[in-house]
């Protein structure tokens, strides 16, 4: 297969599903409730199946324990840098720190990584994702809630309960239990592991297509406040470039067995969490956040094409 056809094999499915999503919006083939339902199926049912299988079949080492806390701290540092930059630039935008941290791995990262590198090394990406998932489910949402509502009683307890009951977190925990204890490997001779693989593969098969269709539906670049959106997206890009290079160097020096170069490259290209507009209180805020997310997603897709060309 030639280099061009290999890039086309990786990139064309993404472009096609994004265009189908845009067409669904333009022709009103799906409404907002329909798209939200597709997202729910993909993220709450399909993605947990991917993660369960990924962690059950993963190889476990010291890097498995070290990488998630490092990524959690990186997300905290990115949030602090975003706040500092906002004060330095006098943007007056209180959402800016939340746009410079966190990664939309669930709704975008896993689909793109699988297309680029297959499922064989997906555990490398999932290991890095785990730390930022814990950050988004706890500190990120807590800081967002405090920003909008103040320190409401029981907020932390509610967020921890949501995290522990999340299908994604439960799937990761079950997968780690099966993989780290050797239970999954012990099921191989009896054929039970193959049955589990067949179930998770079948459930997760449409995840990438559904996610990309939903993203295409939401990818709207008209009426974008370009100056503010470019400022936020550009600042995030700079912060992620610096932190991504630092993480790559750190892992290369101290945990070379982590095999995470490809996972780091894609992770630090991803846009901020798509949950952000939910926390906006005005239509103006919602439009601004949606614009930045759309622009950041477009940057991610450009980076995805570049990674596909590099190979």
C-alpha atoms as a PDB file:
ATOM      1  CA  UNK A   1       0.000   0.000   0.000  1.00  0.00           C
ATOM      2  CA  UNK A   2       1.440   3.380  -0.995  1.00  0.00           C
ATOM      3  CA  UNK A   3       1.976   6.189   1.490  1.00  0.00           C
ATOM      4  CA  UNK A   4      -0.838   8.286   0.038  1.00  0.00           C
ATOM      5  CA  UNK A   5      -3.354   5.439   0.052  1.00  0.00           C
ATOM      6  CA  UNK A   6      -2.390   4.585   3.650  1.00  0.00           C
ATOM      7  CA  UNK A   7      -3.052   8.181   4.739  1.00  0.00           C
ATOM      8  CA  UNK A   8      -6.306   8.130   2.786  1.00  0.00           C
ATOM      9  CA  UNK A   9      -7.324   4.880   4.492  1.00  0.00           C
ATOM     10  CA  UNK A  10      -6.927   6.547   7.887  1.00  0.00           C
ATOM     11  CA  UNK A  11      -8.230  10.045   7.132  1.00  0.00           C
ATOM     12  CA  UNK A  12     -11.113   9.423   4.714  1.00  0.00           C
ATOM     13  CA  UNK A  13     -13.390   7.569   7.200  1.00  0.00           C
ATOM     14  CA  UNK A  14     -13.041  10.512   9.619  1.00  0.00           C
ATOM     15  CA  UNK A  15     -13.828  13.107   6.945  1.00  0.00           C
ATOM     16  CA  UNK A  16     -16.728  11.032   5.637  1.00  0.00           C
ATOM     17  CA  UNK A  17     -18.409  10.646   9.037  1.00  0.00           C
ATOM     18  CA  UNK A  18     -17.914  14.346   9.829  1.00  0.00           C
ATOM     19  CA  UNK A  19     -19.552  15.267   6.515  1.00  0.00           C
ATOM     20  CA  UNK A  20     -22.434  12.878   7.182  1.00  0.00           C
ATOM     21  CA  UNK A  21     -22.905  14.555  10.578  1.00  0.00           C
ATOM     22  CA  UNK A  22     -22.953  17.999   8.961  1.00  0.00           C
ATOM     23  CA  UNK A  23     -25.426  16.727   6.354  1.00  0.00           C
ATOM     24  CA  UNK A  24     -27.663  15.358   9.105  1.00  0.00           C
ATOM     25  CA  UNK A  25     -27.777  18.830  10.663  1.00  0.00           C
ATOM     26  CA  UNK A  26     -28.324  20.666   7.368  1.00  0.00           C
ATOM     27  CA  UNK A  27     -31.057  18.300   6.126  1.00  0.00           C
ATOM     28  CA  UNK A  28     -32.514  17.904   9.625  1.00  0.00           C
ATOM     29  CA  UNK A  29     -32.199  14.124   9.377  1.00  0.00           C
ATOM     30  CA  UNK A  30     -31.442  14.147  13.109  1.00  0.00           C
ATOM     31  CA  UNK A  31     -32.441  16.645  15.771  1.00  0.00           C
ATOM     32  CA  UNK A  32     -30.611  17.560  18.952  1.00  0.00           C
ATOM     33  CA  UNK A  33     -32.301  14.817  20.969  1.00  0.00           C
ATOM     34  CA  UNK A  34     -31.267  12.236  18.382  1.00  0.00           C
ATOM     35  CA  UNK A  35     -27.628  13.353  18.453  1.00  0.00           C
ATOM     36  CA  UNK A  36     -27.616  13.355  22.261  1.00  0.00           C
ATOM     37  CA  UNK A  37     -28.980   9.797  22.169  1.00  0.00           C
ATOM     38  CA  UNK A  38     -26.172   8.724  19.815  1.00  0.00           C
ATOM     39  CA  UNK A  39     -23.623  10.304  22.144  1.00  0.00           C
ATOM     40  CA  UNK A  40     -25.108   8.455  25.103  1.00  0.00           C
ATOM     41  CA  UNK A  41     -24.944   5.112  23.305  1.00  0.00           C
ATOM     42  CA  UNK A  42     -21.346   5.742  22.222  1.00  0.00           C
ATOM     43  CA  UNK A  43     -19.968   7.121  25.483  1.00  0.00           C
ATOM     44  CA  UNK A  44     -22.049   5.297  28.100  1.00  0.00           C
ATOM     45  CA  UNK A  45     -22.268   1.878  26.402  1.00  0.00           C
ATOM     46  CA  UNK A  46     -19.759   1.492  23.550  1.00  0.00           C
ATOM     47  CA  UNK A  47     -16.746   3.252  25.074  1.00  0.00           C
ATOM     48  CA  UNK A  48     -16.917   1.323  28.391  1.00  0.00           C
ATOM     49  CA  UNK A  49     -16.764  -1.900  26.356  1.00  0.00           C
ATOM     50  CA  UNK A  50     -13.623  -0.593  24.624  1.00  0.00           C
ATOM     51  CA  UNK A  51     -12.009   0.332  27.938  1.00  0.00           C
ATOM     52  CA  UNK A  52     -12.935  -2.921  29.676  1.00  0.00           C
ATOM     53  CA  UNK A  53     -11.284  -4.967  26.925  1.00  0.00           C
ATOM     54  CA  UNK A  54      -8.296  -2.596  26.713  1.00  0.00           C
ATOM     55  CA  UNK A  55      -7.421  -2.767  30.412  1.00  0.00           C
ATOM     56  CA  UNK A  56      -8.210  -6.490  30.682  1.00  0.00           C
ATOM     57  CA  UNK A  57      -5.688  -7.308  27.951  1.00  0.00           C
ATOM     58  CA  UNK A  58      -3.094  -4.665  28.878  1.00  0.00           C
ATOM     59  CA  UNK A  59       0.394  -5.380  30.179  1.00  0.00           C
ATOM     60  CA  UNK A  60       0.973  -4.009  33.679  1.00  0.00           C
ATOM     61  CA  UNK A  61       4.209  -2.461  34.928  1.00  0.00           C
ATOM     62  CA  UNK A  62       5.484   0.371  37.122  1.00  0.00           C
ATOM     63  CA  UNK A  63       4.484   2.831  34.364  1.00  0.00           C
ATOM     64  CA  UNK A  64       0.871   1.731  34.791  1.00  0.00           C
ATOM     65  CA  UNK A  65       0.911   3.125  38.334  1.00  0.00           C
ATOM     66  CA  UNK A  66       2.999   6.232  37.621  1.00  0.00           C
ATOM     67  CA  UNK A  67       1.426   7.596  34.414  1.00  0.00           C
ATOM     68  CA  UNK A  68      -2.110   8.446  35.724  1.00  0.00           C
ATOM     69  CA  UNK A  69      -0.903  10.607  38.672  1.00  0.00           C
ATOM     70  CA  UNK A  70       1.527  12.415  36.352  1.00  0.00           C
ATOM     71  CA  UNK A  71      -1.297  13.217  33.919  1.00  0.00           C
ATOM     72  CA  UNK A  72      -3.515  14.396  36.782  1.00  0.00           C
ATOM     73  CA  UNK A  73      -0.797  16.848  37.860  1.00  0.00           C
ATOM     74  CA  UNK A  74      -0.265  17.959  34.245  1.00  0.00           C
ATOM     75  CA  UNK A  75      -3.974  18.845  34.005  1.00  0.00           C
ATOM     76  CA  UNK A  76      -3.750  20.864  37.243  1.00  0.00           C
ATOM     77  CA  UNK A  77      -0.677  22.683  35.912  1.00  0.00           C
ATOM     78  CA  UNK A  78      -2.437  23.423  32.595  1.00  0.00           C
ATOM     79  CA  UNK A  79      -5.380  24.922  34.525  1.00  0.00           C
ATOM     80  CA  UNK A  80      -3.034  27.110  36.577  1.00  0.00           C
ATOM     81  CA  UNK A  81      -1.142  28.244  33.458  1.00  0.00           C
ATOM     82  CA  UNK A  82      -4.433  29.118  31.744  1.00  0.00           C
ATOM     83  CA  UNK A  83      -5.493  31.251  34.712  1.00  0.00           C
ATOM     84  CA  UNK A  84      -2.110  32.977  34.866  1.00  0.00           C
ATOM     85  CA  UNK A  85      -2.130  33.681  31.123  1.00  0.00           C
ATOM     86  CA  UNK A  86      -5.672  35.051  31.342  1.00  0.00           C
ATOM     87  CA  UNK A  87      -4.635  37.529  34.045  1.00  0.00           C
ATOM     88  CA  UNK A  88      -1.471  38.465  32.128  1.00  0.00           C
ATOM     89  CA  UNK A  89      -3.437  39.089  28.910  1.00  0.00           C
ATOM     90  CA  UNK A  90      -6.279  40.751  30.858  1.00  0.00           C
ATOM     91  CA  UNK A  91      -8.897  38.767  28.951  1.00  0.00           C
ATOM     92  CA  UNK A  92     -11.466  38.954  31.728  1.00  0.00           C
ATOM     93  CA  UNK A  93     -12.597  35.483  30.666  1.00  0.00           C
ATOM     94  CA  UNK A  94     -13.193  33.288  33.706  1.00  0.00           C
ATOM     95  CA  UNK A  95     -13.675  30.197  31.531  1.00  0.00           C
ATOM     96  CA  UNK A  96     -10.192  30.445  30.013  1.00  0.00           C
ATOM     97  CA  UNK A  97      -8.420  28.133  32.536  1.00  0.00           C
ATOM     98  CA  UNK A  98     -11.022  25.425  31.812  1.00  0.00           C
ATOM     99  CA  UNK A  99     -10.328  25.721  28.087  1.00  0.00           C
ATOM    100  CA  UNK A 100      -6.590  25.169  28.566  1.00  0.00           C
ATOM    101  CA  UNK A 101      -6.841  21.888  30.481  1.00  0.00           C
ATOM    102  CA  UNK A 102      -8.523  18.502  30.179  1.00  0.00           C
ATOM    103  CA  UNK A 103      -8.835  16.405  27.029  1.00  0.00           C
ATOM    104  CA  UNK A 104     -11.868  15.128  25.118  1.00  0.00           C
ATOM    105  CA  UNK A 105     -10.591  11.565  24.847  1.00  0.00           C
ATOM    106  CA  UNK A 106     -13.960   9.842  25.258  1.00  0.00           C
ATOM    107  CA  UNK A 107     -15.817  11.651  22.493  1.00  0.00           C
ATOM    108  CA  UNK A 108     -12.871  11.950  20.099  1.00  0.00           C
ATOM    109  CA  UNK A 109      -9.524  10.587  21.256  1.00  0.00           C
ATOM    110  CA  UNK A 110     -10.268   6.859  21.231  1.00  0.00           C
ATOM    111  CA  UNK A 111     -11.876   6.970  17.787  1.00  0.00           C
ATOM    112  CA  UNK A 112      -8.917   8.835  16.265  1.00  0.00           C
ATOM    113  CA  UNK A 113      -6.281   6.746  18.039  1.00  0.00           C
ATOM    114  CA  UNK A 114      -7.847   3.495  16.851  1.00  0.00           C
ATOM    115  CA  UNK A 115      -7.920   4.752  13.277  1.00  0.00           C
ATOM    116  CA  UNK A 116      -4.284   5.845  13.482  1.00  0.00           C
ATOM    117  CA  UNK A 117      -2.666   3.011  15.388  1.00  0.00           C
ATOM    118  CA  UNK A 118      -5.229   0.220  15.751  1.00  0.00           C
ATOM    119  CA  UNK A 119      -6.353  -1.445  18.983  1.00  0.00           C
ATOM    120  CA  UNK A 120      -3.112  -3.285  19.734  1.00  0.00           C
ATOM    121  CA  UNK A 121      -1.561  -0.298  21.550  1.00  0.00           C
ATOM    122  CA  UNK A 122      -4.798   1.299  22.751  1.00  0.00           C
ATOM    123  CA  UNK A 123      -3.805   0.509  26.339  1.00  0.00           C
ATOM    124  CA  UNK A 124      -0.973   3.071  26.019  1.00  0.00           C
ATOM    125  CA  UNK A 125      -3.529   5.767  25.235  1.00  0.00           C
ATOM    126  CA  UNK A 126      -5.985   4.554  27.888  1.00  0.00           C
ATOM    127  CA  UNK A 127      -3.251   4.594  30.557  1.00  0.00           C
ATOM    128  CA  UNK A 128      -2.559   8.269  29.834  1.00  0.00           C
ATOM    129  CA  UNK A 129      -6.270   9.033  29.620  1.00  0.00           C
ATOM    130  CA  UNK A 130      -6.976   7.566  33.072  1.00  0.00           C
ATOM    131  CA  UNK A 131      -5.216  10.412  34.915  1.00  0.00           C
ATOM    132  CA  UNK A 132      -7.083  13.138  33.027  1.00  0.00           C
ATOM    133  CA  UNK A 133     -10.407  11.284  33.408  1.00  0.00           C
ATOM    134  CA  UNK A 134      -9.947  11.335  37.173  1.00  0.00           C
ATOM    135  CA  UNK A 135      -9.103  15.047  36.968  1.00  0.00           C
ATOM    136  CA  UNK A 136     -12.166  15.914  34.867  1.00  0.00           C
ATOM    137  CA  UNK A 137     -14.547  13.870  37.037  1.00  0.00           C
ATOM    138  CA  UNK A 138     -13.289  15.408  40.297  1.00  0.00           C
ATOM    139  CA  UNK A 139     -11.293  18.641  40.464  1.00  0.00           C
ATOM    140  CA  UNK A 140     -12.333  20.017  37.050  1.00  0.00           C
ATOM    141  CA  UNK A 141     -16.068  19.660  37.672  1.00  0.00           C
ATOM    142  CA  UNK A 142     -15.681  20.855  41.259  1.00  0.00           C
ATOM    143  CA  UNK A 143     -13.884  24.031  40.142  1.00  0.00           C
ATOM    144  CA  UNK A 144     -16.508  24.616  37.435  1.00  0.00           C
ATOM    145  CA  UNK A 145     -19.342  24.181  39.945  1.00  0.00           C
ATOM    146  CA  UNK A 146     -17.699  26.583  42.380  1.00  0.00           C
ATOM    147  CA  UNK A 147     -17.132  29.119  39.606  1.00  0.00           C
ATOM    148  CA  UNK A 148     -20.810  29.164  38.737  1.00  0.00           C
ATOM    149  CA  UNK A 149     -22.609  28.379  41.997  1.00  0.00           C
ATOM    150  CA  UNK A 150     -20.149  28.810  44.827  1.00  0.00           C
ATOM    151  CA  UNK A 151     -19.087  25.969  47.105  1.00  0.00           C
ATOM    152  CA  UNK A 152     -22.446  24.231  47.374  1.00  0.00           C
ATOM    153  CA  UNK A 153     -22.722  21.793  50.309  1.00  0.00           C
ATOM    154  CA  UNK A 154     -22.175  18.197  49.247  1.00  0.00           C
ATOM    155  CA  UNK A 155     -20.757  19.105  45.835  1.00  0.00           C
ATOM    156  CA  UNK A 156     -17.545  17.109  46.297  1.00  0.00           C
ATOM    157  CA  UNK A 157     -19.450  14.117  47.659  1.00  0.00           C
ATOM    158  CA  UNK A 158     -21.861  14.231  44.698  1.00  0.00           C
ATOM    159  CA  UNK A 159     -19.013  14.417  42.170  1.00  0.00           C
ATOM    160  CA  UNK A 160     -17.218  11.463  43.758  1.00  0.00           C
ATOM    161  CA  UNK A 161     -20.446   9.461  43.658  1.00  0.00           C
ATOM    162  CA  UNK A 162     -20.939  10.359  39.971  1.00  0.00           C
ATOM    163  CA  UNK A 163     -17.372   9.304  39.220  1.00  0.00           C
ATOM    164  CA  UNK A 164     -17.644   5.953  40.992  1.00  0.00           C
ATOM    165  CA  UNK A 165     -20.971   5.166  39.301  1.00  0.00           C
ATOM    166  CA  UNK A 166     -19.826   6.282  35.839  1.00  0.00           C
ATOM    167  CA  UNK A 167     -19.872   3.403  33.291  1.00  0.00           C
ATOM    168  CA  UNK A 168     -16.432   4.549  32.070  1.00  0.00           C
ATOM    169  CA  UNK A 169     -14.838   4.382  35.528  1.00  0.00           C
ATOM    170  CA  UNK A 170     -16.586   1.078  36.338  1.00  0.00           C
ATOM    171  CA  UNK A 171     -15.373  -0.416  33.048  1.00  0.00           C
ATOM    172  CA  UNK A 172     -11.790   0.712  33.790  1.00  0.00           C
ATOM    173  CA  UNK A 173     -11.941  -0.769  37.305  1.00  0.00           C
ATOM    174  CA  UNK A 174     -13.295  -4.113  36.060  1.00  0.00           C
ATOM    175  CA  UNK A 175     -10.734  -4.169  33.242  1.00  0.00           C
ATOM    176  CA  UNK A 176      -7.847  -3.455  35.632  1.00  0.00           C
ATOM    177  CA  UNK A 177      -9.142  -6.139  38.000  1.00  0.00           C
ATOM    178  CA  UNK A 178      -9.246  -8.703  35.186  1.00  0.00           C
ATOM    179  CA  UNK A 179      -5.870  -7.714  33.748  1.00  0.00           C
ATOM    180  CA  UNK A 180      -3.708  -6.884  36.757  1.00  0.00           C
ATOM    181  CA  UNK A 181      -4.757  -9.997  38.720  1.00  0.00           C
ATOM    182  CA  UNK A 182      -4.189 -12.332  35.766  1.00  0.00           C
ATOM    183  CA  UNK A 183      -7.840 -13.389  35.851  1.00  0.00           C
ATOM    184  CA  UNK A 184      -8.326 -12.596  32.161  1.00  0.00           C
ATOM    185  CA  UNK A 185      -5.344 -14.749  31.151  1.00  0.00           C
ATOM    186  CA  UNK A 186      -6.639 -17.599  33.300  1.00  0.00           C
ATOM    187  CA  UNK A 187      -9.883 -17.539  31.292  1.00  0.00           C
ATOM    188  CA  UNK A 188      -8.095 -18.014  27.950  1.00  0.00           C
ATOM    189  CA  UNK A 189      -7.725 -21.842  28.035  1.00  0.00           C
ATOM    190  CA  UNK A 190     -11.430 -22.365  28.740  1.00  0.00           C
ATOM    191  CA  UNK A 191     -12.503 -20.053  25.903  1.00  0.00           C
ATOM    192  CA  UNK A 192     -14.285 -17.673  28.312  1.00  0.00           C
ATOM    193  CA  UNK A 193     -11.879 -14.859  27.409  1.00  0.00           C
ATOM    194  CA  UNK A 194     -12.765 -15.276  23.716  1.00  0.00           C
ATOM    195  CA  UNK A 195     -16.459 -15.002  24.595  1.00  0.00           C
ATOM    196  CA  UNK A 196     -15.768 -11.785  26.543  1.00  0.00           C
ATOM    197  CA  UNK A 197     -13.745 -10.426  23.605  1.00  0.00           C
ATOM    198  CA  UNK A 198     -16.576 -11.203  21.185  1.00  0.00           C
ATOM    199  CA  UNK A 199     -19.075  -9.337  23.378  1.00  0.00           C
ATOM    200  CA  UNK A 200     -16.912  -6.238  23.890  1.00  0.00           C
ATOM    201  CA  UNK A 201     -15.887  -6.143  20.203  1.00  0.00           C
ATOM    202  CA  UNK A 202     -19.507  -6.355  19.054  1.00  0.00           C
ATOM    203  CA  UNK A 203     -20.723  -3.656  21.463  1.00  0.00           C
ATOM    204  CA  UNK A 204     -17.855  -1.285  20.680  1.00  0.00           C
ATOM    205  CA  UNK A 205     -17.845  -1.741  16.883  1.00  0.00           C
ATOM    206  CA  UNK A 206     -19.956   1.376  15.994  1.00  0.00           C
ATOM    207  CA  UNK A 207     -18.411   3.686  18.617  1.00  0.00           C
ATOM    208  CA  UNK A 208     -15.980   5.526  16.314  1.00  0.00           C
ATOM    209  CA  UNK A 209     -18.553   6.146  13.589  1.00  0.00           C
ATOM    210  CA  UNK A 210     -21.230   7.362  16.032  1.00  0.00           C
ATOM    211  CA  UNK A 211     -18.836   9.717  17.809  1.00  0.00           C
ATOM    212  CA  UNK A 212     -17.509  11.260  14.595  1.00  0.00           C
ATOM    213  CA  UNK A 213     -21.043  11.679  13.215  1.00  0.00           C
ATOM    214  CA  UNK A 214     -22.069  13.511  16.410  1.00  0.00           C
ATOM    215  CA  UNK A 215     -18.974  15.729  16.251  1.00  0.00           C
ATOM    216  CA  UNK A 216     -19.688  16.561  12.606  1.00  0.00           C
ATOM    217  CA  UNK A 217     -23.240  17.534  13.595  1.00  0.00           C
ATOM    218  CA  UNK A 218     -21.867  19.918  16.255  1.00  0.00           C
ATOM    219  CA  UNK A 219     -18.997  21.296  14.155  1.00  0.00           C
ATOM    220  CA  UNK A 220     -20.356  24.759  13.372  1.00  0.00           C
ATOM    221  CA  UNK A 221     -17.892  27.519  12.444  1.00  0.00           C
ATOM    222  CA  UNK A 222     -20.271  30.245  11.319  1.00  0.00           C
ATOM    223  CA  UNK A 223     -20.835  33.280  13.567  1.00  0.00           C
ATOM    224  CA  UNK A 224     -17.646  32.455  15.479  1.00  0.00           C
ATOM    225  CA  UNK A 225     -16.174  35.319  17.556  1.00  0.00           C
ATOM    226  CA  UNK A 226     -12.851  34.684  15.841  1.00  0.00           C
ATOM    227  CA  UNK A 227     -10.641  36.975  17.920  1.00  0.00           C
ATOM    228  CA  UNK A 228     -11.653  35.534  21.295  1.00  0.00           C
ATOM    229  CA  UNK A 229     -11.894  31.959  20.000  1.00  0.00           C
ATOM    230  CA  UNK A 230      -8.474  32.090  18.312  1.00  0.00           C
ATOM    231  CA  UNK A 231      -6.962  33.586  21.443  1.00  0.00           C
ATOM    232  CA  UNK A 232      -8.256  30.744  23.637  1.00  0.00           C
ATOM    233  CA  UNK A 233      -7.491  27.982  21.125  1.00  0.00           C
ATOM    234  CA  UNK A 234      -4.020  29.415  20.418  1.00  0.00           C
ATOM    235  CA  UNK A 235      -3.203  29.696  24.119  1.00  0.00           C
ATOM    236  CA  UNK A 236      -4.286  26.096  24.681  1.00  0.00           C
ATOM    237  CA  UNK A 237      -2.134  24.972  21.763  1.00  0.00           C
ATOM    238  CA  UNK A 238       0.955  26.675  23.235  1.00  0.00           C
ATOM    239  CA  UNK A 239       0.360  25.281  26.745  1.00  0.00           C
ATOM    240  CA  UNK A 240      -0.264  21.769  25.413  1.00  0.00           C
ATOM    241  CA  UNK A 241       2.839  21.888  23.201  1.00  0.00           C
ATOM    242  CA  UNK A 242       5.035  22.807  26.180  1.00  0.00           C
ATOM    243  CA  UNK A 243       3.447  20.327  28.606  1.00  0.00           C
ATOM    244  CA  UNK A 244       3.266  17.561  25.997  1.00  0.00           C
ATOM    245  CA  UNK A 245       6.991  17.921  25.252  1.00  0.00           C
ATOM    246  CA  UNK A 246       7.748  17.882  28.993  1.00  0.00           C
ATOM    247  CA  UNK A 247       5.675  14.734  29.558  1.00  0.00           C
ATOM    248  CA  UNK A 248       7.266  13.013  26.547  1.00  0.00           C
ATOM    249  CA  UNK A 249      10.755  13.814  27.875  1.00  0.00           C
ATOM    250  CA  UNK A 250       9.829  12.733  31.412  1.00  0.00           C
ATOM    251  CA  UNK A 251       8.491   9.367  30.278  1.00  0.00           C
ATOM    252  CA  UNK A 252      11.422   8.818  27.916  1.00  0.00           C
ATOM    253  CA  UNK A 253      13.932   9.423  30.713  1.00  0.00           C
ATOM    254  CA  UNK A 254      12.295   7.632  33.626  1.00  0.00           C
ATOM    255  CA  UNK A 255       9.708   5.197  32.200  1.00  0.00           C
ATOM    256  CA  UNK A 256      10.872   4.148  28.738  1.00  0.00           C
ATOM    257  CA  UNK A 257       8.754   0.991  29.035  1.00  0.00           C
ATOM    258  CA  UNK A 258       5.626   3.173  28.968  1.00  0.00           C
ATOM    259  CA  UNK A 259       5.786   3.207  25.122  1.00  0.00           C
ATOM    260  CA  UNK A 260       3.663   6.327  25.098  1.00  0.00           C
ATOM    261  CA  UNK A 261       5.063   8.608  22.376  1.00  0.00           C
ATOM    262  CA  UNK A 262       2.148   8.109  19.963  1.00  0.00           C
ATOM    263  CA  UNK A 263      -0.426   8.328  22.743  1.00  0.00           C
ATOM    264  CA  UNK A 264       1.096  11.562  24.075  1.00  0.00           C
ATOM    265  CA  UNK A 265       1.184  13.116  20.597  1.00  0.00           C
ATOM    266  CA  UNK A 266      -2.526  12.558  20.028  1.00  0.00           C
ATOM    267  CA  UNK A 267      -3.655  13.251  23.601  1.00  0.00           C
ATOM    268  CA  UNK A 268      -2.104  16.715  23.692  1.00  0.00           C
ATOM    269  CA  UNK A 269      -3.715  17.584  20.348  1.00  0.00           C
ATOM    270  CA  UNK A 270      -7.237  16.920  21.638  1.00  0.00           C
ATOM    271  CA  UNK A 271      -9.722  19.725  22.389  1.00  0.00           C
ATOM    272  CA  UNK A 272     -10.918  20.518  25.924  1.00  0.00           C
ATOM    273  CA  UNK A 273     -13.835  18.509  27.390  1.00  0.00           C
ATOM    274  CA  UNK A 274     -17.062  18.905  25.439  1.00  0.00           C
ATOM    275  CA  UNK A 275     -19.005  19.164  28.705  1.00  0.00           C
ATOM    276  CA  UNK A 276     -18.002  22.818  29.171  1.00  0.00           C
ATOM    277  CA  UNK A 277     -21.046  24.542  27.576  1.00  0.00           C
ATOM    278  CA  UNK A 278     -23.292  22.744  30.081  1.00  0.00           C
ATOM    279  CA  UNK A 279     -21.850  24.973  32.806  1.00  0.00           C
ATOM    280  CA  UNK A 280     -22.518  28.248  30.961  1.00  0.00           C
ATOM    281  CA  UNK A 281     -25.231  30.494  32.387  1.00  0.00           C
ATOM    282  CA  UNK A 282     -25.902  32.780  29.423  1.00  0.00           C
ATOM    283  CA  UNK A 283     -26.427  32.273  25.706  1.00  0.00           C
ATOM    284  CA  UNK A 284     -23.365  34.440  25.016  1.00  0.00           C
ATOM    285  CA  UNK A 285     -21.169  32.196  27.178  1.00  0.00           C
ATOM    286  CA  UNK A 286     -22.582  29.076  25.534  1.00  0.00           C
ATOM    287  CA  UNK A 287     -21.918  30.454  22.037  1.00  0.00           C
ATOM    288  CA  UNK A 288     -18.348  31.420  22.964  1.00  0.00           C
ATOM    289  CA  UNK A 289     -17.518  28.031  24.495  1.00  0.00           C
ATOM    290  CA  UNK A 290     -19.070  26.161  21.578  1.00  0.00           C
ATOM    291  CA  UNK A 291     -17.024  28.273  19.152  1.00  0.00           C
ATOM    292  CA  UNK A 292     -13.752  27.540  20.968  1.00  0.00           C
ATOM    293  CA  UNK A 293     -14.580  23.824  21.120  1.00  0.00           C
ATOM    294  CA  UNK A 294     -15.398  23.752  17.398  1.00  0.00           C
ATOM    295  CA  UNK A 295     -12.177  25.579  16.524  1.00  0.00           C
ATOM    296  CA  UNK A 296     -10.115  23.340  18.836  1.00  0.00           C
ATOM    297  CA  UNK A 297     -11.715  20.264  17.263  1.00  0.00           C
ATOM    298  CA  UNK A 298     -10.762  21.539  13.814  1.00  0.00           C
ATOM    299  CA  UNK A 299      -7.164  21.994  15.016  1.00  0.00           C
ATOM    300  CA  UNK A 300      -7.222  18.439  16.361  1.00  0.00           C
ATOM    301  CA  UNK A 301      -8.394  17.080  13.007  1.00  0.00           C
ATOM    302  CA  UNK A 302      -5.605  18.970  11.199  1.00  0.00           C
ATOM    303  CA  UNK A 303      -3.122  17.480  13.663  1.00  0.00           C
ATOM    304  CA  UNK A 304      -4.672  14.044  13.110  1.00  0.00           C
ATOM    305  CA  UNK A 305      -4.018  14.331   9.376  1.00  0.00           C
ATOM    306  CA  UNK A 306      -0.412  15.359  10.120  1.00  0.00           C
ATOM    307  CA  UNK A 307       0.075  12.326  12.378  1.00  0.00           C
ATOM    308  CA  UNK A 308      -1.405  10.068   9.693  1.00  0.00           C
ATOM    309  CA  UNK A 309       1.080  11.447   7.169  1.00  0.00           C
ATOM    310  CA  UNK A 310       4.006  10.968   9.554  1.00  0.00           C
ATOM    311  CA  UNK A 311       2.925   7.380  10.165  1.00  0.00           C
END
